[in-house]
């Protein structure tokens, strides 16, 4: 039997052509994770090499390809009608607090985490 062949059958008045795919080829198609004849569009992006490598290392541990991750990200944007996480600019108080902490100004020090928590209740 050849690797792939077409058989014709008559069903009522409709004439159909059925393609029979051997099991090993079907396994490959099923493992592709997407519809083989789905229309696609390309996304091109520039990213810093170190960020790309870190992200791809994490994706590999998760068992997700970069393409699948981008597809998930775009799907979530479409479903949520926006980014799937909050994006905002810090207010003036937060900017000042971040700047102070980076420069070591106006910091409170605590002997323990418990003392830190106690200060919140005071």
PDB file of N, CA and C in Angstrom:
ATOM      1  N   UNK A   1       0.833  -1.163   0.000  1.00  0.00           N
ATOM      2  CA  UNK A   1       0.000   0.000   0.000  1.00  0.00           C
ATOM      3  C   UNK A   1       0.890   1.244   0.000  1.00  0.00           C
ATOM      4  N   UNK A   2       0.657   2.230  -0.859  1.00  0.00           N
ATOM      5  CA  UNK A   2       1.494   3.436  -0.903  1.00  0.00           C
ATOM      6  C   UNK A   2       1.347   4.247   0.381  1.00  0.00           C
ATOM      7  N   UNK A   3       2.344   5.129   0.611  1.00  0.00           N
ATOM      8  CA  UNK A   3       2.315   5.951   1.818  1.00  0.00           C
ATOM      9  C   UNK A   3       1.027   6.775   1.924  1.00  0.00           C
ATOM     10  N   UNK A   4       0.592   7.329   0.852  1.00  0.00           N
ATOM     11  CA  UNK A   4      -0.605   8.155   0.871  1.00  0.00           C
ATOM     12  C   UNK A   4      -1.363   7.922  -0.429  1.00  0.00           C
ATOM     13  N   UNK A   5      -2.668   7.799  -0.342  1.00  0.00           N
ATOM     14  CA  UNK A   5      -3.443   7.649  -1.559  1.00  0.00           C
ATOM     15  C   UNK A   5      -4.814   8.267  -1.375  1.00  0.00           C
ATOM     16  N   UNK A   6      -5.483   8.530  -2.472  1.00  0.00           N
ATOM     17  CA  UNK A   6      -6.812   9.117  -2.420  1.00  0.00           C
ATOM     18  C   UNK A   6      -7.823   8.083  -2.869  1.00  0.00           C
ATOM     19  N   UNK A   7      -8.932   8.030  -2.165  1.00  0.00           N
ATOM     20  CA  UNK A   7     -10.017   7.122  -2.521  1.00  0.00           C
ATOM     21  C   UNK A   7     -11.256   7.959  -2.784  1.00  0.00           C
ATOM     22  N   UNK A   8     -12.018   7.572  -3.758  1.00  0.00           N
ATOM     23  CA  UNK A   8     -13.239   8.303  -4.057  1.00  0.00           C
ATOM     24  C   UNK A   8     -14.429   7.457  -3.624  1.00  0.00           C
ATOM     25  N   UNK A   9     -15.430   8.097  -2.987  1.00  0.00           N
ATOM     26  CA  UNK A   9     -16.643   7.411  -2.580  1.00  0.00           C
ATOM     27  C   UNK A   9     -17.839   8.266  -2.969  1.00  0.00           C
ATOM     28  N   UNK A  10     -18.929   7.601  -3.209  1.00  0.00           N
ATOM     29  CA  UNK A  10     -20.165   8.297  -3.542  1.00  0.00           C
ATOM     30  C   UNK A  10     -21.065   8.243  -2.309  1.00  0.00           C
ATOM     31  N   UNK A  11     -21.498   9.409  -1.817  1.00  0.00           N
ATOM     32  CA  UNK A  11     -22.407   9.491  -0.682  1.00  0.00           C
ATOM     33  C   UNK A  11     -23.609  10.291  -1.145  1.00  0.00           C
ATOM     34  N   UNK A  12     -24.786   9.668  -1.269  1.00  0.00           N
ATOM     35  CA  UNK A  12     -25.979  10.236  -1.912  1.00  0.00           C
ATOM     36  C   UNK A  12     -25.554  10.783  -3.264  1.00  0.00           C
ATOM     37  N   UNK A  13     -25.839  12.047  -3.483  1.00  0.00           N
ATOM     38  CA  UNK A  13     -25.465  12.617  -4.769  1.00  0.00           C
ATOM     39  C   UNK A  13     -24.167  13.420  -4.658  1.00  0.00           C
ATOM     40  N   UNK A  14     -23.535  13.402  -3.476  1.00  0.00           N
ATOM     41  CA  UNK A  14     -22.304  14.168  -3.268  1.00  0.00           C
ATOM     42  C   UNK A  14     -21.104  13.272  -3.530  1.00  0.00           C
ATOM     43  N   UNK A  15     -20.176  13.748  -4.302  1.00  0.00           N
ATOM     44  CA  UNK A  15     -18.968  13.011  -4.639  1.00  0.00           C
ATOM     45  C   UNK A  15     -17.851  13.514  -3.735  1.00  0.00           C
ATOM     46  N   UNK A  16     -17.219  12.654  -2.946  1.00  0.00           N
ATOM     47  CA  UNK A  16     -16.177  13.068  -2.018  1.00  0.00           C
ATOM     48  C   UNK A  16     -14.843  12.437  -2.387  1.00  0.00           C
ATOM     49  N   UNK A  17     -13.766  13.169  -2.088  1.00  0.00           N
ATOM     50  CA  UNK A  17     -12.430  12.599  -2.203  1.00  0.00           C
ATOM     51  C   UNK A  17     -11.875  12.535  -0.782  1.00  0.00           C
ATOM     52  N   UNK A  18     -11.456  11.352  -0.379  1.00  0.00           N
ATOM     53  CA  UNK A  18     -10.937  11.144   0.964  1.00  0.00           C
ATOM     54  C   UNK A  18      -9.450  10.863   0.862  1.00  0.00           C
ATOM     55  N   UNK A  19      -8.652  11.625   1.612  1.00  0.00           N
ATOM     56  CA  UNK A  19      -7.218  11.372   1.649  1.00  0.00           C
ATOM     57  C   UNK A  19      -6.922  10.521   2.874  1.00  0.00           C
ATOM     58  N   UNK A  20      -6.268   9.413   2.670  1.00  0.00           N
ATOM     59  CA  UNK A  20      -5.909   8.530   3.764  1.00  0.00           C
ATOM     60  C   UNK A  20      -4.441   8.745   4.072  1.00  0.00           C
ATOM     61  N   UNK A  21      -4.158   9.086   5.346  1.00  0.00           N
ATOM     62  CA  UNK A  21      -2.794   9.372   5.772  1.00  0.00           C
ATOM     63  C   UNK A  21      -2.335   8.218   6.647  1.00  0.00           C
ATOM     64  N   UNK A  22      -1.176   7.646   6.363  1.00  0.00           N
ATOM     65  CA  UNK A  22      -0.665   6.571   7.215  1.00  0.00           C
ATOM     66  C   UNK A  22      -0.481   7.056   8.653  1.00  0.00           C
ATOM     67  N   UNK A  23      -0.536   6.133   9.591  1.00  0.00           N
ATOM     68  CA  UNK A  23      -0.486   6.455  11.014  1.00  0.00           C
ATOM     69  C   UNK A  23       0.724   7.299  11.384  1.00  0.00           C
ATOM     70  N   UNK A  24       1.910   6.983  10.900  1.00  0.00           N
ATOM     71  CA  UNK A  24       3.093   7.734  11.308  1.00  0.00           C
ATOM     72  C   UNK A  24       3.019   9.193  10.858  1.00  0.00           C
ATOM     73  N   UNK A  25       2.452   9.457   9.704  1.00  0.00           N
ATOM     74  CA  UNK A  25       2.301  10.841   9.267  1.00  0.00           C
ATOM     75  C   UNK A  25       1.222  11.553  10.080  1.00  0.00           C
ATOM     76  N   UNK A  26       0.150  10.848  10.418  1.00  0.00           N
ATOM     77  CA  UNK A  26      -0.919  11.427  11.217  1.00  0.00           C
ATOM     78  C   UNK A  26      -0.392  11.810  12.593  1.00  0.00           C
ATOM     79  N   UNK A  27       0.464  10.976  13.170  1.00  0.00           N
ATOM     80  CA  UNK A  27       1.066  11.290  14.469  1.00  0.00           C
ATOM     81  C   UNK A  27       1.817  12.610  14.407  1.00  0.00           C
ATOM     82  N   UNK A  28       2.547  12.834  13.334  1.00  0.00           N
ATOM     83  CA  UNK A  28       3.297  14.080  13.175  1.00  0.00           C
ATOM     84  C   UNK A  28       2.340  15.259  13.089  1.00  0.00           C
ATOM     85  N   UNK A  29       1.266  15.134  12.338  1.00  0.00           N
ATOM     86  CA  UNK A  29       0.287  16.209  12.200  1.00  0.00           C
ATOM     87  C   UNK A  29      -0.344  16.524  13.551  1.00  0.00           C
ATOM     88  N   UNK A  30      -0.685  15.493  14.331  1.00  0.00           N
ATOM     89  CA  UNK A  30      -1.311  15.714  15.628  1.00  0.00           C
ATOM     90  C   UNK A  30      -0.357  16.360  16.619  1.00  0.00           C
ATOM     91  N   UNK A  31       0.930  16.111  16.497  1.00  0.00           N
ATOM     92  CA  UNK A  31       1.901  16.679  17.418  1.00  0.00           C
ATOM     93  C   UNK A  31       2.244  18.129  17.096  1.00  0.00           C
ATOM     94  N   UNK A  32       1.803  18.634  15.968  1.00  0.00           N
ATOM     95  CA  UNK A  32       2.159  19.989  15.560  1.00  0.00           C
ATOM     96  C   UNK A  32       1.536  21.048  16.467  1.00  0.00           C
ATOM     97  N   UNK A  33       0.425  20.723  17.149  1.00  0.00           N
ATOM     98  CA  UNK A  33      -0.153  21.658  18.099  1.00  0.00           C
ATOM     99  C   UNK A  33      -0.963  22.780  17.470  1.00  0.00           C
ATOM    100  N   UNK A  34      -1.208  22.732  16.213  1.00  0.00           N
ATOM    101  CA  UNK A  34      -2.034  23.742  15.575  1.00  0.00           C
ATOM    102  C   UNK A  34      -2.689  23.134  14.340  1.00  0.00           C
ATOM    103  N   UNK A  35      -3.645  23.845  13.798  1.00  0.00           N
ATOM    104  CA  UNK A  35      -4.309  23.378  12.590  1.00  0.00           C
ATOM    105  C   UNK A  35      -3.369  23.606  11.420  1.00  0.00           C
ATOM    106  N   UNK A  36      -3.000  22.541  10.669  1.00  0.00           N
ATOM    107  CA  UNK A  36      -1.988  22.677   9.625  1.00  0.00           C
ATOM    108  C   UNK A  36      -2.323  23.694   8.539  1.00  0.00           C
ATOM    109  N   UNK A  37      -3.614  23.923   8.269  1.00  0.00           N
ATOM    110  CA  UNK A  37      -3.972  24.823   7.177  1.00  0.00           C
ATOM    111  C   UNK A  37      -4.521  26.150   7.689  1.00  0.00           C
ATOM    112  N   UNK A  38      -4.241  26.480   8.962  1.00  0.00           N
ATOM    113  CA  UNK A  38      -4.696  27.725   9.549  1.00  0.00           C
ATOM    114  C   UNK A  38      -3.950  28.892   8.903  1.00  0.00           C
ATOM    115  N   UNK A  39      -4.683  29.944   8.569  1.00  0.00           N
ATOM    116  CA  UNK A  39      -4.021  31.135   8.046  1.00  0.00           C
ATOM    117  C   UNK A  39      -3.202  31.751   9.167  1.00  0.00           C
ATOM    118  N   UNK A  40      -2.028  32.228   8.837  1.00  0.00           N
ATOM    119  CA  UNK A  40      -1.160  32.828   9.843  1.00  0.00           C
ATOM    120  C   UNK A  40      -0.609  34.152   9.342  1.00  0.00           C
ATOM    121  N   UNK A  41      -0.164  34.963  10.275  1.00  0.00           N
ATOM    122  CA  UNK A  41       0.505  36.222   9.957  1.00  0.00           C
ATOM    123  C   UNK A  41       1.784  36.265  10.780  1.00  0.00           C
ATOM    124  N   UNK A  42       2.809  36.857  10.250  1.00  0.00           N
ATOM    125  CA  UNK A  42       4.105  36.912  10.935  1.00  0.00           C
ATOM    126  C   UNK A  42       4.173  38.127  11.857  1.00  0.00           C
ATOM    127  N   UNK A  43       4.866  37.957  12.967  1.00  0.00           N
ATOM    128  CA  UNK A  43       5.148  39.043  13.903  1.00  0.00           C
ATOM    129  C   UNK A  43       6.669  39.127  14.006  1.00  0.00           C
ATOM    130  N   UNK A  44       7.221  40.284  13.737  1.00  0.00           N
ATOM    131  CA  UNK A  44       8.676  40.482  13.834  1.00  0.00           C
ATOM    132  C   UNK A  44       8.939  41.477  14.958  1.00  0.00           C
ATOM    133  N   UNK A  45       9.933  41.190  15.768  1.00  0.00           N
ATOM    134  CA  UNK A  45      10.214  42.050  16.909  1.00  0.00           C
ATOM    135  C   UNK A  45      11.707  42.055  17.205  1.00  0.00           C
ATOM    136  N   UNK A  46      12.192  43.149  17.727  1.00  0.00           N
ATOM    137  CA  UNK A  46      13.586  43.245  18.175  1.00  0.00           C
ATOM    138  C   UNK A  46      13.566  43.264  19.695  1.00  0.00           C
ATOM    139  N   UNK A  47      14.474  42.512  20.298  1.00  0.00           N
ATOM    140  CA  UNK A  47      14.528  42.421  21.756  1.00  0.00           C
ATOM    141  C   UNK A  47      15.975  42.238  22.178  1.00  0.00           C
ATOM    142  N   UNK A  48      16.312  42.705  23.368  1.00  0.00           N
ATOM    143  CA  UNK A  48      17.690  42.561  23.845  1.00  0.00           C
ATOM    144  C   UNK A  48      18.024  41.070  23.980  1.00  0.00           C
ATOM    145  N   UNK A  49      19.201  40.662  23.514  1.00  0.00           N
ATOM    146  CA  UNK A  49      19.573  39.240  23.527  1.00  0.00           C
ATOM    147  C   UNK A  49      19.509  38.590  24.905  1.00  0.00           C
ATOM    148  N   UNK A  50      19.903  39.314  25.969  1.00  0.00           N
ATOM    149  CA  UNK A  50      19.884  38.697  27.303  1.00  0.00           C
ATOM    150  C   UNK A  50      18.464  38.446  27.790  1.00  0.00           C
ATOM    151  N   UNK A  51      17.544  39.355  27.509  1.00  0.00           N
ATOM    152  CA  UNK A  51      16.143  39.158  27.883  1.00  0.00           C
ATOM    153  C   UNK A  51      15.547  38.005  27.087  1.00  0.00           C
ATOM    154  N   UNK A  52      15.855  37.960  25.799  1.00  0.00           N
ATOM    155  CA  UNK A  52      15.360  36.871  24.947  1.00  0.00           C
ATOM    156  C   UNK A  52      15.830  35.519  25.475  1.00  0.00           C
ATOM    157  N   UNK A  53      17.089  35.420  25.826  1.00  0.00           N
ATOM    158  CA  UNK A  53      17.640  34.147  26.308  1.00  0.00           C
ATOM    159  C   UNK A  53      17.006  33.731  27.629  1.00  0.00           C
ATOM    160  N   UNK A  54      16.872  34.678  28.562  1.00  0.00           N
ATOM    161  CA  UNK A  54      16.254  34.371  29.857  1.00  0.00           C
ATOM    162  C   UNK A  54      14.819  33.889  29.663  1.00  0.00           C
ATOM    163  N   UNK A  55      14.072  34.597  28.824  1.00  0.00           N
ATOM    164  CA  UNK A  55      12.676  34.227  28.582  1.00  0.00           C
ATOM    165  C   UNK A  55      12.582  32.847  27.926  1.00  0.00           C
ATOM    166  N   UNK A  56      13.437  32.592  26.935  1.00  0.00           N
ATOM    167  CA  UNK A  56      13.386  31.303  26.242  1.00  0.00           C
ATOM    168  C   UNK A  56      13.813  30.149  27.157  1.00  0.00           C
ATOM    169  N   UNK A  57      14.724  30.409  28.094  1.00  0.00           N
ATOM    170  CA  UNK A  57      15.101  29.381  29.069  1.00  0.00           C
ATOM    171  C   UNK A  57      13.896  29.015  29.938  1.00  0.00           C
ATOM    172  N   UNK A  58      13.161  30.024  30.375  1.00  0.00           N
ATOM    173  CA  UNK A  58      11.965  29.785  31.197  1.00  0.00           C
ATOM    174  C   UNK A  58      10.902  29.059  30.381  1.00  0.00           C
ATOM    175  N   UNK A  59      10.676  29.518  29.157  1.00  0.00           N
ATOM    176  CA  UNK A  59       9.676  28.870  28.307  1.00  0.00           C
ATOM    177  C   UNK A  59      10.023  27.404  28.060  1.00  0.00           C
ATOM    178  N   UNK A  60      11.298  27.124  27.862  1.00  0.00           N
ATOM    179  CA  UNK A  60      11.718  25.741  27.634  1.00  0.00           C
ATOM    180  C   UNK A  60      11.404  24.874  28.850  1.00  0.00           C
ATOM    181  N   UNK A  61      11.663  25.392  30.050  1.00  0.00           N
ATOM    182  CA  UNK A  61      11.341  24.642  31.268  1.00  0.00           C
ATOM    183  C   UNK A  61       9.842  24.425  31.402  1.00  0.00           C
ATOM    184  N   UNK A  62       9.043  25.358  30.884  1.00  0.00           N
ATOM    185  CA  UNK A  62       7.588  25.230  30.920  1.00  0.00           C
ATOM    186  C   UNK A  62       7.056  24.343  29.801  1.00  0.00           C
ATOM    187  N   UNK A  63       7.927  24.021  28.833  1.00  0.00           N
ATOM    188  CA  UNK A  63       7.490  23.208  27.699  1.00  0.00           C
ATOM    189  C   UNK A  63       6.688  23.992  26.675  1.00  0.00           C
ATOM    190  N   UNK A  64       6.961  25.294  26.600  1.00  0.00           N
ATOM    191  CA  UNK A  64       6.236  26.184  25.684  1.00  0.00           C
ATOM    192  C   UNK A  64       7.243  26.798  24.719  1.00  0.00           C
ATOM    193  N   UNK A  65       6.942  26.753  23.432  1.00  0.00           N
ATOM    194  CA  UNK A  65       7.839  27.374  22.460  1.00  0.00           C
ATOM    195  C   UNK A  65       7.621  28.885  22.462  1.00  0.00           C
ATOM    196  N   UNK A  66       8.606  29.663  21.997  1.00  0.00           N
ATOM    197  CA  UNK A  66       8.402  31.113  21.894  1.00  0.00           C
ATOM    198  C   UNK A  66       7.183  31.469  21.034  1.00  0.00           C
ATOM    199  N   UNK A  67       6.976  30.728  19.965  1.00  0.00           N
ATOM    200  CA  UNK A  67       5.822  30.983  19.097  1.00  0.00           C
ATOM    201  C   UNK A  67       4.518  30.767  19.853  1.00  0.00           C
ATOM    202  N   UNK A  68       4.438  29.669  20.624  1.00  0.00           N
ATOM    203  CA  UNK A  68       3.234  29.402  21.408  1.00  0.00           C
ATOM    204  C   UNK A  68       3.020  30.486  22.461  1.00  0.00           C
ATOM    205  N   UNK A  69       4.096  30.956  23.086  1.00  0.00           N
ATOM    206  CA  UNK A  69       3.986  32.003  24.108  1.00  0.00           C
ATOM    207  C   UNK A  69       3.456  33.301  23.491  1.00  0.00           C
ATOM    208  N   UNK A  70       3.970  33.650  22.328  1.00  0.00           N
ATOM    209  CA  UNK A  70       3.496  34.870  21.644  1.00  0.00           C
ATOM    210  C   UNK A  70       2.030  34.704  21.262  1.00  0.00           C
ATOM    211  N   UNK A  71       1.660  33.521  20.773  1.00  0.00           N
ATOM    212  CA  UNK A  71       0.266  33.253  20.407  1.00  0.00           C
ATOM    213  C   UNK A  71      -0.633  33.398  21.640  1.00  0.00           C
ATOM    214  N   UNK A  72      -0.192  32.865  22.796  1.00  0.00           N
ATOM    215  CA  UNK A  72      -0.973  32.988  24.036  1.00  0.00           C
ATOM    216  C   UNK A  72      -1.113  34.452  24.440  1.00  0.00           C
ATOM    217  N   UNK A  73      -0.010  35.202  24.345  1.00  0.00           N
ATOM    218  CA  UNK A  73      -0.020  36.617  24.707  1.00  0.00           C
ATOM    219  C   UNK A  73      -1.008  37.389  23.832  1.00  0.00           C
ATOM    220  N   UNK A  74      -0.941  37.203  22.517  1.00  0.00           N
ATOM    221  CA  UNK A  74      -1.847  37.895  21.601  1.00  0.00           C
ATOM    222  C   UNK A  74      -3.297  37.466  21.835  1.00  0.00           C
ATOM    223  N   UNK A  75      -3.513  36.189  22.136  1.00  0.00           N
ATOM    224  CA  UNK A  75      -4.868  35.703  22.399  1.00  0.00           C
ATOM    225  C   UNK A  75      -5.434  36.384  23.637  1.00  0.00           C
ATOM    226  N   UNK A  76      -4.630  36.521  24.691  1.00  0.00           N
ATOM    227  CA  UNK A  76      -5.085  37.187  25.909  1.00  0.00           C
ATOM    228  C   UNK A  76      -5.370  38.672  25.662  1.00  0.00           C
ATOM    229  N   UNK A  77      -4.558  39.327  24.843  1.00  0.00           N
ATOM    230  CA  UNK A  77      -4.824  40.725  24.496  1.00  0.00           C
ATOM    231  C   UNK A  77      -6.179  40.832  23.810  1.00  0.00           C
ATOM    232  N   UNK A  78      -6.436  39.934  22.870  1.00  0.00           N
ATOM    233  CA  UNK A  78      -7.711  39.957  22.144  1.00  0.00           C
ATOM    234  C   UNK A  78      -8.886  39.657  23.069  1.00  0.00           C
ATOM    235  N   UNK A  79      -8.731  38.676  23.964  1.00  0.00           N
ATOM    236  CA  UNK A  79      -9.822  38.301  24.868  1.00  0.00           C
ATOM    237  C   UNK A  79     -10.123  39.390  25.892  1.00  0.00           C
ATOM    238  N   UNK A  80      -9.083  40.052  26.390  1.00  0.00           N
ATOM    239  CA  UNK A  80      -9.248  41.054  27.446  1.00  0.00           C
ATOM    240  C   UNK A  80      -9.429  42.472  26.891  1.00  0.00           C
ATOM    241  N   UNK A  81      -9.249  42.608  25.593  1.00  0.00           N
ATOM    242  CA  UNK A  81      -9.330  43.928  24.958  1.00  0.00           C
ATOM    243  C   UNK A  81      -8.295  44.875  25.563  1.00  0.00           C
ATOM    244  N   UNK A  82      -7.112  44.343  25.830  1.00  0.00           N
ATOM    245  CA  UNK A  82      -6.023  45.111  26.415  1.00  0.00           C
ATOM    246  C   UNK A  82      -4.929  44.173  26.874  1.00  0.00           C
ATOM    247  N   UNK A  83      -3.896  44.718  27.465  1.00  0.00           N
ATOM    248  CA  UNK A  83      -2.803  43.887  27.960  1.00  0.00           C
ATOM    249  C   UNK A  83      -3.287  43.000  29.098  1.00  0.00           C
ATOM    250  N   UNK A  84      -2.754  41.789  29.216  1.00  0.00           N
ATOM    251  CA  UNK A  84      -3.216  40.872  30.265  1.00  0.00           C
ATOM    252  C   UNK A  84      -2.575  41.135  31.629  1.00  0.00           C
ATOM    253  N   UNK A  85      -2.048  42.315  31.832  1.00  0.00           N
ATOM    254  CA  UNK A  85      -1.477  42.721  33.118  1.00  0.00           C
ATOM    255  C   UNK A  85      -1.540  44.236  33.183  1.00  0.00           C
ATOM    256  N   UNK A  86      -1.471  44.767  34.402  1.00  0.00           N
ATOM    257  CA  UNK A  86      -1.548  46.218  34.578  1.00  0.00           C
ATOM    258  C   UNK A  86      -0.253  46.882  34.121  1.00  0.00           C
ATOM    259  N   UNK A  87      -0.399  47.966  33.397  1.00  0.00           N
ATOM    260  CA  UNK A  87       0.740  48.778  32.992  1.00  0.00           C
ATOM    261  C   UNK A  87       0.387  50.213  33.383  1.00  0.00           C
ATOM    262  N   UNK A  88       1.199  50.775  34.268  1.00  0.00           N
ATOM    263  CA  UNK A  88       0.924  52.141  34.694  1.00  0.00           C
ATOM    264  C   UNK A  88       2.226  52.819  35.090  1.00  0.00           C
ATOM    265  N   UNK A  89       2.176  54.114  35.086  1.00  0.00           N
ATOM    266  CA  UNK A  89       3.326  54.901  35.520  1.00  0.00           C
ATOM    267  C   UNK A  89       3.171  55.174  37.009  1.00  0.00           C
ATOM    268  N   UNK A  90       4.254  55.116  37.777  1.00  0.00           N
ATOM    269  CA  UNK A  90       4.139  55.374  39.214  1.00  0.00           C
ATOM    270  C   UNK A  90       3.795  56.840  39.468  1.00  0.00           C
ATOM    271  N   UNK A  91       3.039  57.077  40.558  1.00  0.00           N
ATOM    272  CA  UNK A  91       2.709  58.463  40.909  1.00  0.00           C
ATOM    273  C   UNK A  91       3.933  59.137  41.531  1.00  0.00           C
ATOM    274  N   UNK A  92       3.827  60.437  41.802  1.00  0.00           N
ATOM    275  CA  UNK A  92       4.975  61.205  42.305  1.00  0.00           C
ATOM    276  C   UNK A  92       5.515  60.658  43.622  1.00  0.00           C
ATOM    277  N   UNK A  93       4.624  60.249  44.519  1.00  0.00           N
ATOM    278  CA  UNK A  93       5.054  59.734  45.819  1.00  0.00           C
ATOM    279  C   UNK A  93       5.874  58.449  45.643  1.00  0.00           C
ATOM    280  N   UNK A  94       5.420  57.574  44.748  1.00  0.00           N
ATOM    281  CA  UNK A  94       6.139  56.321  44.499  1.00  0.00           C
ATOM    282  C   UNK A  94       7.487  56.588  43.843  1.00  0.00           C
ATOM    283  N   UNK A  95       7.530  57.514  42.894  1.00  0.00           N
ATOM    284  CA  UNK A  95       8.791  57.872  42.233  1.00  0.00           C
ATOM    285  C   UNK A  95       9.787  58.386  43.268  1.00  0.00           C
ATOM    286  N   UNK A  96       9.327  59.258  44.183  1.00  0.00           N
ATOM    287  CA  UNK A  96      10.207  59.801  45.215  1.00  0.00           C
ATOM    288  C   UNK A  96      10.679  58.693  46.163  1.00  0.00           C
ATOM    289  N   UNK A  97       9.791  57.814  46.569  1.00  0.00           N
ATOM    290  CA  UNK A  97      10.159  56.726  47.476  1.00  0.00           C
ATOM    291  C   UNK A  97      11.184  55.793  46.821  1.00  0.00           C
ATOM    292  N   UNK A  98      10.988  55.490  45.531  1.00  0.00           N
ATOM    293  CA  UNK A  98      11.949  54.638  44.814  1.00  0.00           C
ATOM    294  C   UNK A  98      13.313  55.323  44.717  1.00  0.00           C
ATOM    295  N   UNK A  99      13.290  56.595  44.391  1.00  0.00           N
ATOM    296  CA  UNK A  99      14.544  57.354  44.288  1.00  0.00           C
ATOM    297  C   UNK A  99      15.265  57.409  45.633  1.00  0.00           C
ATOM    298  N   UNK A 100      14.512  57.685  46.701  1.00  0.00           N
ATOM    299  CA  UNK A 100      15.096  57.721  48.042  1.00  0.00           C
ATOM    300  C   UNK A 100      15.701  56.367  48.414  1.00  0.00           C
ATOM    301  N   UNK A 101      14.986  55.297  48.146  1.00  0.00           N
ATOM    302  CA  UNK A 101      15.493  53.972  48.531  1.00  0.00           C
ATOM    303  C   UNK A 101      16.748  53.607  47.741  1.00  0.00           C
ATOM    304  N   UNK A 102      16.807  54.006  46.489  1.00  0.00           N
ATOM    305  CA  UNK A 102      18.011  53.727  45.684  1.00  0.00           C
ATOM    306  C   UNK A 102      19.227  54.489  46.216  1.00  0.00           C
ATOM    307  N   UNK A 103      18.956  55.661  46.776  1.00  0.00           N
ATOM    308  CA  UNK A 103      20.050  56.496  47.295  1.00  0.00           C
ATOM    309  C   UNK A 103      20.272  56.294  48.792  1.00  0.00           C
ATOM    310  N   UNK A 104      19.480  55.404  49.409  1.00  0.00           N
ATOM    311  CA  UNK A 104      19.645  55.116  50.830  1.00  0.00           C
ATOM    312  C   UNK A 104      19.127  56.206  51.751  1.00  0.00           C
ATOM    313  N   UNK A 105      18.194  57.046  51.287  1.00  0.00           N
ATOM    314  CA  UNK A 105      17.646  58.146  52.090  1.00  0.00           C
ATOM    315  C   UNK A 105      16.291  57.750  52.678  1.00  0.00           C
ATOM    316  N   UNK A 106      16.010  58.310  53.861  1.00  0.00           N
ATOM    317  CA  UNK A 106      14.701  58.133  54.507  1.00  0.00           C
ATOM    318  C   UNK A 106      14.296  56.670  54.655  1.00  0.00           C
ATOM    319  N   UNK A 107      15.248  55.842  55.000  1.00  0.00           N
ATOM    320  CA  UNK A 107      14.964  54.417  55.175  1.00  0.00           C
ATOM    321  C   UNK A 107      14.759  54.097  56.646  1.00  0.00           C
ATOM    322  N   UNK A 108      13.863  53.181  56.922  1.00  0.00           N
ATOM    323  CA  UNK A 108      13.687  52.675  58.278  1.00  0.00           C
ATOM    324  C   UNK A 108      14.314  51.289  58.309  1.00  0.00           C
ATOM    325  N   UNK A 109      15.009  50.991  59.379  1.00  0.00           N
ATOM    326  CA  UNK A 109      15.625  49.673  59.529  1.00  0.00           C
ATOM    327  C   UNK A 109      14.972  48.971  60.717  1.00  0.00           C
ATOM    328  N   UNK A 110      14.825  47.662  60.579  1.00  0.00           N
ATOM    329  CA  UNK A 110      14.171  46.873  61.613  1.00  0.00           C
ATOM    330  C   UNK A 110      15.041  45.682  61.982  1.00  0.00           C
ATOM    331  N   UNK A 111      14.954  45.289  63.252  1.00  0.00           N
ATOM    332  CA  UNK A 111      15.744  44.163  63.742  1.00  0.00           C
ATOM    333  C   UNK A 111      15.249  42.832  63.189  1.00  0.00           C
ATOM    334  N   UNK A 112      13.959  42.780  62.861  1.00  0.00           N
ATOM    335  CA  UNK A 112      13.384  41.531  62.366  1.00  0.00           C
ATOM    336  C   UNK A 112      12.148  41.839  61.528  1.00  0.00           C
ATOM    337  N   UNK A 113      11.673  40.840  60.854  1.00  0.00           N
ATOM    338  CA  UNK A 113      10.448  40.987  60.061  1.00  0.00           C
ATOM    339  C   UNK A 113       9.270  41.254  60.995  1.00  0.00           C
ATOM    340  N   UNK A 114       9.273  40.595  62.152  1.00  0.00           N
ATOM    341  CA  UNK A 114       8.195  40.812  63.124  1.00  0.00           C
ATOM    342  C   UNK A 114       8.127  42.281  63.533  1.00  0.00           C
ATOM    343  N   UNK A 115       9.287  42.885  63.777  1.00  0.00           N
ATOM    344  CA  UNK A 115       9.334  44.312  64.157  1.00  0.00           C
ATOM    345  C   UNK A 115       8.805  45.188  63.018  1.00  0.00           C
ATOM    346  N   UNK A 116       9.095  44.810  61.790  1.00  0.00           N
ATOM    347  CA  UNK A 116       8.578  45.537  60.623  1.00  0.00           C
ATOM    348  C   UNK A 116       7.045  45.491  60.634  1.00  0.00           C
ATOM    349  N   UNK A 117       6.487  44.286  60.814  1.00  0.00           N
ATOM    350  CA  UNK A 117       5.038  44.126  60.819  1.00  0.00           C
ATOM    351  C   UNK A 117       4.403  44.895  61.988  1.00  0.00           C
ATOM    352  N   UNK A 118       5.059  44.870  63.126  1.00  0.00           N
ATOM    353  CA  UNK A 118       4.555  45.605  64.300  1.00  0.00           C
ATOM    354  C   UNK A 118       4.480  47.101  63.999  1.00  0.00           C
ATOM    355  N   UNK A 119       5.442  47.617  63.230  1.00  0.00           N
ATOM    356  CA  UNK A 119       5.453  49.045  62.914  1.00  0.00           C
ATOM    357  C   UNK A 119       4.256  49.436  62.043  1.00  0.00           C
ATOM    358  N   UNK A 120       3.740  48.500  61.297  1.00  0.00           N
ATOM    359  CA  UNK A 120       2.585  48.794  60.462  1.00  0.00           C
ATOM    360  C   UNK A 120       1.323  48.956  61.298  1.00  0.00           C
ATOM    361  N   UNK A 121       1.270  48.256  62.431  1.00  0.00           N
ATOM    362  CA  UNK A 121       0.103  48.332  63.285  1.00  0.00           C
ATOM    363  C   UNK A 121       0.134  49.551  64.206  1.00  0.00           C
ATOM    364  N   UNK A 122       1.290  50.171  64.349  1.00  0.00           N
ATOM    365  CA  UNK A 122       1.442  51.292  65.289  1.00  0.00           C
ATOM    366  C   UNK A 122       0.810  52.562  64.770  1.00  0.00           C
TER     367      UNK A 122
END
